[in-house]
PDB file of N, CA and C in Angstrom:
ATOM      1  N   MET A   1      -7.055 -91.192  67.492  1.00  0.00           N
ATOM      2  CA  MET A   1      -7.535 -92.606  67.025  1.00  0.00           C
ATOM      3  C   MET A   1      -6.917 -93.584  67.916  1.00  0.00           C
ATOM      4  N   PHE A   2      -7.666 -94.569  68.164  1.00  0.00           N
ATOM      5  CA  PHE A   2      -7.207 -95.668  68.965  1.00  0.00           C
ATOM      6  C   PHE A   2      -6.533 -96.669  68.253  1.00  0.00           C
ATOM      7  N   THR A   3      -5.344 -97.082  68.847  1.00  0.00           N
ATOM      8  CA  THR A   3      -4.735 -98.139  68.143  1.00  0.00           C
ATOM      9  C   THR A   3      -5.104 -99.454  68.700  1.00  0.00           C
ATOM     10  N   TYR A   4      -4.524-100.553  68.191  1.00  0.00           N
ATOM     11  CA  TYR A   4      -4.950-101.852  68.605  1.00  0.00           C
ATOM     12  C   TYR A   4      -4.568-101.988  70.064  1.00  0.00           C
ATOM     13  N   PHE A   5      -3.303-101.486  70.515  1.00  0.00           N
ATOM     14  CA  PHE A   5      -2.986-101.552  71.971  1.00  0.00           C
ATOM     15  C   PHE A   5      -3.735-100.892  72.774  1.00  0.00           C
ATOM     16  N   HIS A   6      -4.327 -99.631  72.412  1.00  0.00           N
ATOM     17  CA  HIS A   6      -5.293 -98.935  73.278  1.00  0.00           C
ATOM     18  C   HIS A   6      -6.673 -99.659  73.287  1.00  0.00           C
ATOM     19  N   ARG A   7      -7.123-100.166  72.264  1.00  0.00           N
ATOM     20  CA  ARG A   7      -8.414-100.959  72.380  1.00  0.00           C
ATOM     21  C   ARG A   7      -8.224-102.103  73.268  1.00  0.00           C
ATOM     22  N   THR A   8      -7.079-102.843  73.342  1.00  0.00           N
ATOM     23  CA  THR A   8      -6.939-104.001  74.086  1.00  0.00           C
ATOM     24  C   THR A   8      -6.875-103.594  75.518  1.00  0.00           C
ATOM     25  N   ILE A   9      -6.233-102.359  76.032  1.00  0.00           N
ATOM     26  CA  ILE A   9      -6.202-101.954  77.312  1.00  0.00           C
ATOM     27  C   ILE A   9      -7.625-101.516  77.868  1.00  0.00           C
ATOM     28  N   VAL A  10      -8.380-100.687  76.934  1.00  0.00           N
ATOM     29  CA  VAL A  10      -9.701-100.305  77.214  1.00  0.00           C
ATOM     30  C   VAL A  10     -10.598-101.511  77.501  1.00  0.00           C
ATOM     31  N   PHE A  11     -10.482-102.497  76.723  1.00  0.00           N
ATOM     32  CA  PHE A  11     -11.368-103.662  76.766  1.00  0.00           C
ATOM     33  C   PHE A  11     -11.071-104.503  78.194  1.00  0.00           C
ATOM     34  N   GLN A  12      -9.680-104.634  78.325  1.00  0.00           N
ATOM     35  CA  GLN A  12      -9.355-105.339  79.592  1.00  0.00           C
ATOM     36  C   GLN A  12      -9.863-104.497  81.022  1.00  0.00           C
ATOM     37  N   PHE A  13      -9.607-103.312  80.857  1.00  0.00           N
ATOM     38  CA  PHE A  13     -10.100-102.333  81.972  1.00  0.00           C
ATOM     39  C   PHE A  13     -11.610-102.464  82.218  1.00  0.00           C
ATOM     40  N   PHE A  14     -12.344-102.618  81.020  1.00  0.00           N
ATOM     41  CA  PHE A  14     -13.839-102.606  81.133  1.00  0.00           C
ATOM     42  C   PHE A  14     -14.055-104.074  81.634  1.00  0.00           C
ATOM     43  N   LEU A  15     -13.433-105.072  81.264  1.00  0.00           N
ATOM     44  CA  LEU A  15     -13.807-106.392  81.852  1.00  0.00           C
ATOM     45  C   LEU A  15     -13.413-106.436  83.411  1.00  0.00           C
ATOM     46  N   GLY A  16     -12.285-105.854  83.746  1.00  0.00           N
ATOM     47  CA  GLY A  16     -11.959-105.820  85.052  1.00  0.00           C
ATOM     48  C   GLY A  16     -13.031-105.068  85.954  1.00  0.00           C
ATOM     49  N   ASN A  17     -13.655-103.967  85.472  1.00  0.00           N
ATOM     50  CA  ASN A  17     -14.684-103.299  86.251  1.00  0.00           C
ATOM     51  C   ASN A  17     -15.902-104.037  86.357  1.00  0.00           C
ATOM     52  N   VAL A  18     -16.230-104.673  85.218  1.00  0.00           N
ATOM     53  CA  VAL A  18     -17.524-105.558  85.184  1.00  0.00           C
ATOM     54  C   VAL A  18     -17.291-106.635  86.253  1.00  0.00           C
ATOM     55  N   ALA A  19     -16.217-107.348  86.137  1.00  0.00           N
ATOM     56  CA  ALA A  19     -15.982-108.492  87.137  1.00  0.00           C
ATOM     57  C   ALA A  19     -16.050-107.988  88.552  1.00  0.00           C
ATOM     58  N   TYR A  20     -15.496-106.824  88.837  1.00  0.00           N
ATOM     59  CA  TYR A  20     -15.430-106.197  90.099  1.00  0.00           C
ATOM     60  C   TYR A  20     -16.914-105.930  90.617  1.00  0.00           C
ATOM     61  N   GLN A  21     -17.633-105.433  89.754  1.00  0.00           N
ATOM     62  CA  GLN A  21     -19.089-104.987  90.135  1.00  0.00           C
ATOM     63  C   GLN A  21     -19.862-106.280  90.283  1.00  0.00           C
ATOM     64  N   GLU A  22     -19.677-107.277  89.517  1.00  0.00           N
ATOM     65  CA  GLU A  22     -20.338-108.563  89.604  1.00  0.00           C
ATOM     66  C   GLU A  22     -19.996-109.238  90.971  1.00  0.00           C
ATOM     67  N   ALA A  23     -18.799-109.019  91.435  1.00  0.00           N
ATOM     68  CA  ALA A  23     -18.302-109.740  92.572  1.00  0.00           C
ATOM     69  C   ALA A  23     -18.918-108.876  93.730  1.00  0.00           C
ATOM     70  N   LEU A  24     -19.081-107.740  93.686  1.00  0.00           N
ATOM     71  CA  LEU A  24     -19.759-106.834  94.680  1.00  0.00           C
ATOM     72  C   LEU A  24     -21.164-107.354  94.806  1.00  0.00           C
ATOM     73  N   ALA A  25     -21.844-107.530  93.781  1.00  0.00           N
ATOM     74  CA  ALA A  25     -23.201-107.946  93.799  1.00  0.00           C
ATOM     75  C   ALA A  25     -23.478-109.261  94.390  1.00  0.00           C
ATOM     76  N   VAL A  26     -22.546-110.211  94.498  1.00  0.00           N
ATOM     77  CA  VAL A  26     -22.610-111.557  94.937  1.00  0.00           C
ATOM     78  C   VAL A  26     -22.011-111.638  96.403  1.00  0.00           C
ATOM     79  N   THR A  27     -21.068-110.903  96.643  1.00  0.00           N
ATOM     80  CA  THR A  27     -20.223-111.012  97.838  1.00  0.00           C
ATOM     81  C   THR A  27     -20.192-109.718  98.618  1.00  0.00           C
ATOM     82  N   GLU A  28     -19.744-109.898 100.017  1.00  0.00           N
ATOM     83  CA  GLU A  28     -19.582-108.799 100.822  1.00  0.00           C
ATOM     84  C   GLU A  28     -18.422-107.936 100.162  1.00  0.00           C
ATOM     85  N   ALA A  29     -18.563-106.642 100.531  1.00  0.00           N
ATOM     86  CA  ALA A  29     -17.552-105.682  99.891  1.00  0.00           C
ATOM     87  C   ALA A  29     -16.216-105.946 100.539  1.00  0.00           C
ATOM     88  N   ALA A  30     -16.139-106.299 101.767  1.00  0.00           N
ATOM     89  CA  ALA A  30     -14.747-106.496 102.396  1.00  0.00           C
ATOM     90  C   ALA A  30     -13.995-107.739 101.643  1.00  0.00           C
ATOM     91  N   VAL A  31     -14.650-108.792 101.366  1.00  0.00           N
ATOM     92  CA  VAL A  31     -14.050-109.911 100.742  1.00  0.00           C
ATOM     93  C   VAL A  31     -13.615-109.621  99.323  1.00  0.00           C
ATOM     94  N   VAL A  32     -14.357-108.773  98.625  1.00  0.00           N
ATOM     95  CA  VAL A  32     -14.003-108.374  97.356  1.00  0.00           C
ATOM     96  C   VAL A  32     -12.765-107.369  97.364  1.00  0.00           C
ATOM     97  N   ASN A  33     -12.874-106.520  98.240  1.00  0.00           N
ATOM     98  CA  ASN A  33     -11.686-105.616  98.402  1.00  0.00           C
ATOM     99  C   ASN A  33     -10.399-106.353  98.701  1.00  0.00           C
ATOM    100  N   ILE A  34     -10.421-107.205  99.588  1.00  0.00           N
ATOM    101  CA  ILE A  34      -9.173-108.058  99.951  1.00  0.00           C
ATOM    102  C   ILE A  34      -8.730-108.736  98.821  1.00  0.00           C
ATOM    103  N   MET A  35      -9.691-109.548  98.022  1.00  0.00           N
ATOM    104  CA  MET A  35      -9.275-110.211  96.796  1.00  0.00           C
ATOM    105  C   MET A  35      -8.591-109.294  95.779  1.00  0.00           C
ATOM    106  N   SER A  36      -9.252-108.147  95.581  1.00  0.00           N
ATOM    107  CA  SER A  36      -8.833-107.104  94.664  1.00  0.00           C
ATOM    108  C   SER A  36      -7.508-106.621  95.010  1.00  0.00           C
ATOM    109  N   SER A  37      -7.224-106.374  96.217  1.00  0.00           N
ATOM    110  CA  SER A  37      -5.843-105.875  96.601  1.00  0.00           C
ATOM    111  C   SER A  37      -4.761-106.908  96.585  1.00  0.00           C
ATOM    112  N   ALA A  38      -5.169-108.216  96.732  1.00  0.00           N
ATOM    113  CA  ALA A  38      -4.280-109.293  96.699  1.00  0.00           C
ATOM    114  C   ALA A  38      -3.816-109.677  95.390  1.00  0.00           C
ATOM    115  N   SER A  39      -4.442-109.156  94.312  1.00  0.00           N
ATOM    116  CA  SER A  39      -4.284-109.581  92.793  1.00  0.00           C
ATOM    117  C   SER A  39      -2.949-109.297  92.561  1.00  0.00           C
ATOM    118  N   GLY A  40      -2.150-108.298  92.942  1.00  0.00           N
ATOM    119  CA  GLY A  40      -0.826-108.075  92.698  1.00  0.00           C
ATOM    120  C   GLY A  40       0.117-109.181  93.133  1.00  0.00           C
ATOM    121  N   LEU A  41      -0.202-109.759  94.347  1.00  0.00           N
ATOM    122  CA  LEU A  41       0.534-110.948  94.781  1.00  0.00           C
ATOM    123  C   LEU A  41       0.322-112.125  93.821  1.00  0.00           C
ATOM    124  N   PHE A  42      -0.997-112.407  93.495  1.00  0.00           N
ATOM    125  CA  PHE A  42      -1.288-113.471  92.597  1.00  0.00           C
ATOM    126  C   PHE A  42      -0.516-113.393  91.345  1.00  0.00           C
ATOM    127  N   THR A  43      -0.391-112.205  90.712  1.00  0.00           N
ATOM    128  CA  THR A  43       0.251-111.903  89.557  1.00  0.00           C
ATOM    129  C   THR A  43       1.842-112.185  89.686  1.00  0.00           C
ATOM    130  N   LEU A  44       2.493-111.709  90.863  1.00  0.00           N
ATOM    131  CA  LEU A  44       3.848-111.931  91.059  1.00  0.00           C
ATOM    132  C   LEU A  44       4.066-113.534  91.230  1.00  0.00           C
ATOM    133  N   PHE A  45       3.316-114.185  91.935  1.00  0.00           N
ATOM    134  CA  PHE A  45       3.549-115.674  92.059  1.00  0.00           C
ATOM    135  C   PHE A  45       3.317-116.474  90.773  1.00  0.00           C
ATOM    136  N   LEU A  46       2.362-115.986  90.087  1.00  0.00           N
ATOM    137  CA  LEU A  46       2.140-116.674  88.849  1.00  0.00           C
ATOM    138  C   LEU A  46       3.267-116.411  87.819  1.00  0.00           C
ATOM    139  N   ALA A  47       3.783-115.230  87.778  1.00  0.00           N
ATOM    140  CA  ALA A  47       4.949-114.852  86.923  1.00  0.00           C
ATOM    141  C   ALA A  47       6.110-115.646  87.311  1.00  0.00           C
ATOM    142  N   ALA A  48       6.417-115.806  88.597  1.00  0.00           N
ATOM    143  CA  ALA A  48       7.450-116.472  89.167  1.00  0.00           C
ATOM    144  C   ALA A  48       7.445-117.987  88.809  1.00  0.00           C
ATOM    145  N   GLY A  49       6.177-118.483  89.023  1.00  0.00           N
ATOM    146  CA  GLY A  49       5.858-119.934  88.644  1.00  0.00           C
ATOM    147  C   GLY A  49       5.885-120.317  87.295  1.00  0.00           C
ATOM    148  N   PHE A  50       5.550-119.473  86.356  1.00  0.00           N
ATOM    149  CA  PHE A  50       5.648-119.752  84.988  1.00  0.00           C
ATOM    150  C   PHE A  50       6.284-118.616  84.134  1.00  0.00           C
ATOM    151  N   PRO A  51       7.567-118.442  84.335  1.00  0.00           N
ATOM    152  CA  PRO A  51       8.246-117.361  83.733  1.00  0.00           C
ATOM    153  C   PRO A  51       8.336-117.491  82.208  1.00  0.00           C
ATOM    154  N   SER A  52       8.110-116.313  81.545  1.00  0.00           N
ATOM    155  CA  SER A  52       8.227-116.186  80.129  1.00  0.00           C
ATOM    156  C   SER A  52       9.541-115.705  79.721  1.00  0.00           C
ATOM    157  N   SER A  53      10.295-115.090  80.706  1.00  0.00           N
ATOM    158  CA  SER A  53      11.549-114.586  80.475  1.00  0.00           C
ATOM    159  C   SER A  53      12.498-114.635  81.686  1.00  0.00           C
ATOM    160  N   ASP A  54      13.851-114.366  81.681  1.00  0.00           N
ATOM    161  CA  ASP A  54      14.648-114.288  82.606  1.00  0.00           C
ATOM    162  C   ASP A  54      14.185-113.158  83.741  1.00  0.00           C
ATOM    163  N   GLN A  55      13.529-112.154  83.309  1.00  0.00           N
ATOM    164  CA  GLN A  55      13.174-111.167  84.235  1.00  0.00           C
ATOM    165  C   GLN A  55      11.895-111.338  85.073  1.00  0.00           C
ATOM    166  N   ASP A  56      11.283-112.576  84.874  1.00  0.00           N
ATOM    167  CA  ASP A  56      10.108-112.910  85.586  1.00  0.00           C
ATOM    168  C   ASP A  56      10.447-113.693  86.801  1.00  0.00           C
ATOM    169  N   LYS A  57      11.722-113.655  87.308  1.00  0.00           N
ATOM    170  CA  LYS A  57      12.075-114.400  88.399  1.00  0.00           C
ATOM    171  C   LYS A  57      11.516-113.642  89.610  1.00  0.00           C
ATOM    172  N   PHE A  58      11.351-114.357  90.783  1.00  0.00           N
ATOM    173  CA  PHE A  58      11.044-113.832  92.032  1.00  0.00           C
ATOM    174  C   PHE A  58      12.156-113.127  92.716  1.00  0.00           C
ATOM    175  N   THR A  59      11.951-111.977  93.047  1.00  0.00           N
ATOM    176  CA  THR A  59      12.990-111.257  93.939  1.00  0.00           C
ATOM    177  C   THR A  59      12.381-110.668  95.135  1.00  0.00           C
ATOM    178  N   LEU A  60      13.181-110.220  96.009  1.00  0.00           N
ATOM    179  CA  LEU A  60      12.733-109.666  97.320  1.00  0.00           C
ATOM    180  C   LEU A  60      12.171-108.280  96.934  1.00  0.00           C
ATOM    181  N   THR A  61      13.005-107.577  96.093  1.00  0.00           N
ATOM    182  CA  THR A  61      12.572-106.244  95.639  1.00  0.00           C
ATOM    183  C   THR A  61      11.057-106.230  95.041  1.00  0.00           C
ATOM    184  N   LYS A  62      10.907-107.117  94.157  1.00  0.00           N
ATOM    185  CA  LYS A  62       9.494-107.141  93.531  1.00  0.00           C
ATOM    186  C   LYS A  62       8.426-107.512  94.695  1.00  0.00           C
ATOM    187  N   PHE A  63       8.773-108.384  95.381  1.00  0.00           N
ATOM    188  CA  PHE A  63       7.761-108.618  96.527  1.00  0.00           C
ATOM    189  C   PHE A  63       7.453-107.495  97.377  1.00  0.00           C
ATOM    190  N   LEU A  64       8.609-106.756  97.917  1.00  0.00           N
ATOM    191  CA  LEU A  64       8.324-105.634  98.605  1.00  0.00           C
ATOM    192  C   LEU A  64       7.588-104.623  97.891  1.00  0.00           C
ATOM    193  N   ILE A  65       7.830-104.243  96.613  1.00  0.00           N
ATOM    194  CA  ILE A  65       6.983-103.290  95.874  1.00  0.00           C
ATOM    195  C   ILE A  65       5.617-103.702  95.772  1.00  0.00           C
ATOM    196  N   VAL A  66       5.304-105.073  95.616  1.00  0.00           N
ATOM    197  CA  VAL A  66       3.825-105.451  95.510  1.00  0.00           C
ATOM    198  C   VAL A  66       3.265-105.313  96.953  1.00  0.00           C
ATOM    199  N   VAL A  67       3.932-105.703  97.946  1.00  0.00           N
ATOM    200  CA  VAL A  67       3.293-105.498  99.383  1.00  0.00           C
ATOM    201  C   VAL A  67       3.065-104.116  99.630  1.00  0.00           C
ATOM    202  N   PHE A  68       3.924-103.184  99.402  1.00  0.00           N
ATOM    203  CA  PHE A  68       3.698-101.751  99.625  1.00  0.00           C
ATOM    204  C   PHE A  68       2.802-100.964  98.845  1.00  0.00           C
ATOM    205  N   SER A  69       2.383-101.685  97.669  1.00  0.00           N
ATOM    206  CA  SER A  69       1.502-100.938  96.723  1.00  0.00           C
ATOM    207  C   SER A  69       0.142-101.286  97.214  1.00  0.00           C
TER     208      SER A  69
END
């Protein structure tokens, strides 16, 4: 049985895939891949800019992990 948490994750995964496919339909694949791979950096910078807890601060370790992923 799916719990509320699982349904939320599946729905977000589905929306992400739909958005990716729509972007591919409108834009070149190279541009979409660069934007998709840079999403980790966007998330890191937004979390550092709008922290919800003390653990959301920007650190070199987090930056390096995102860059190497």
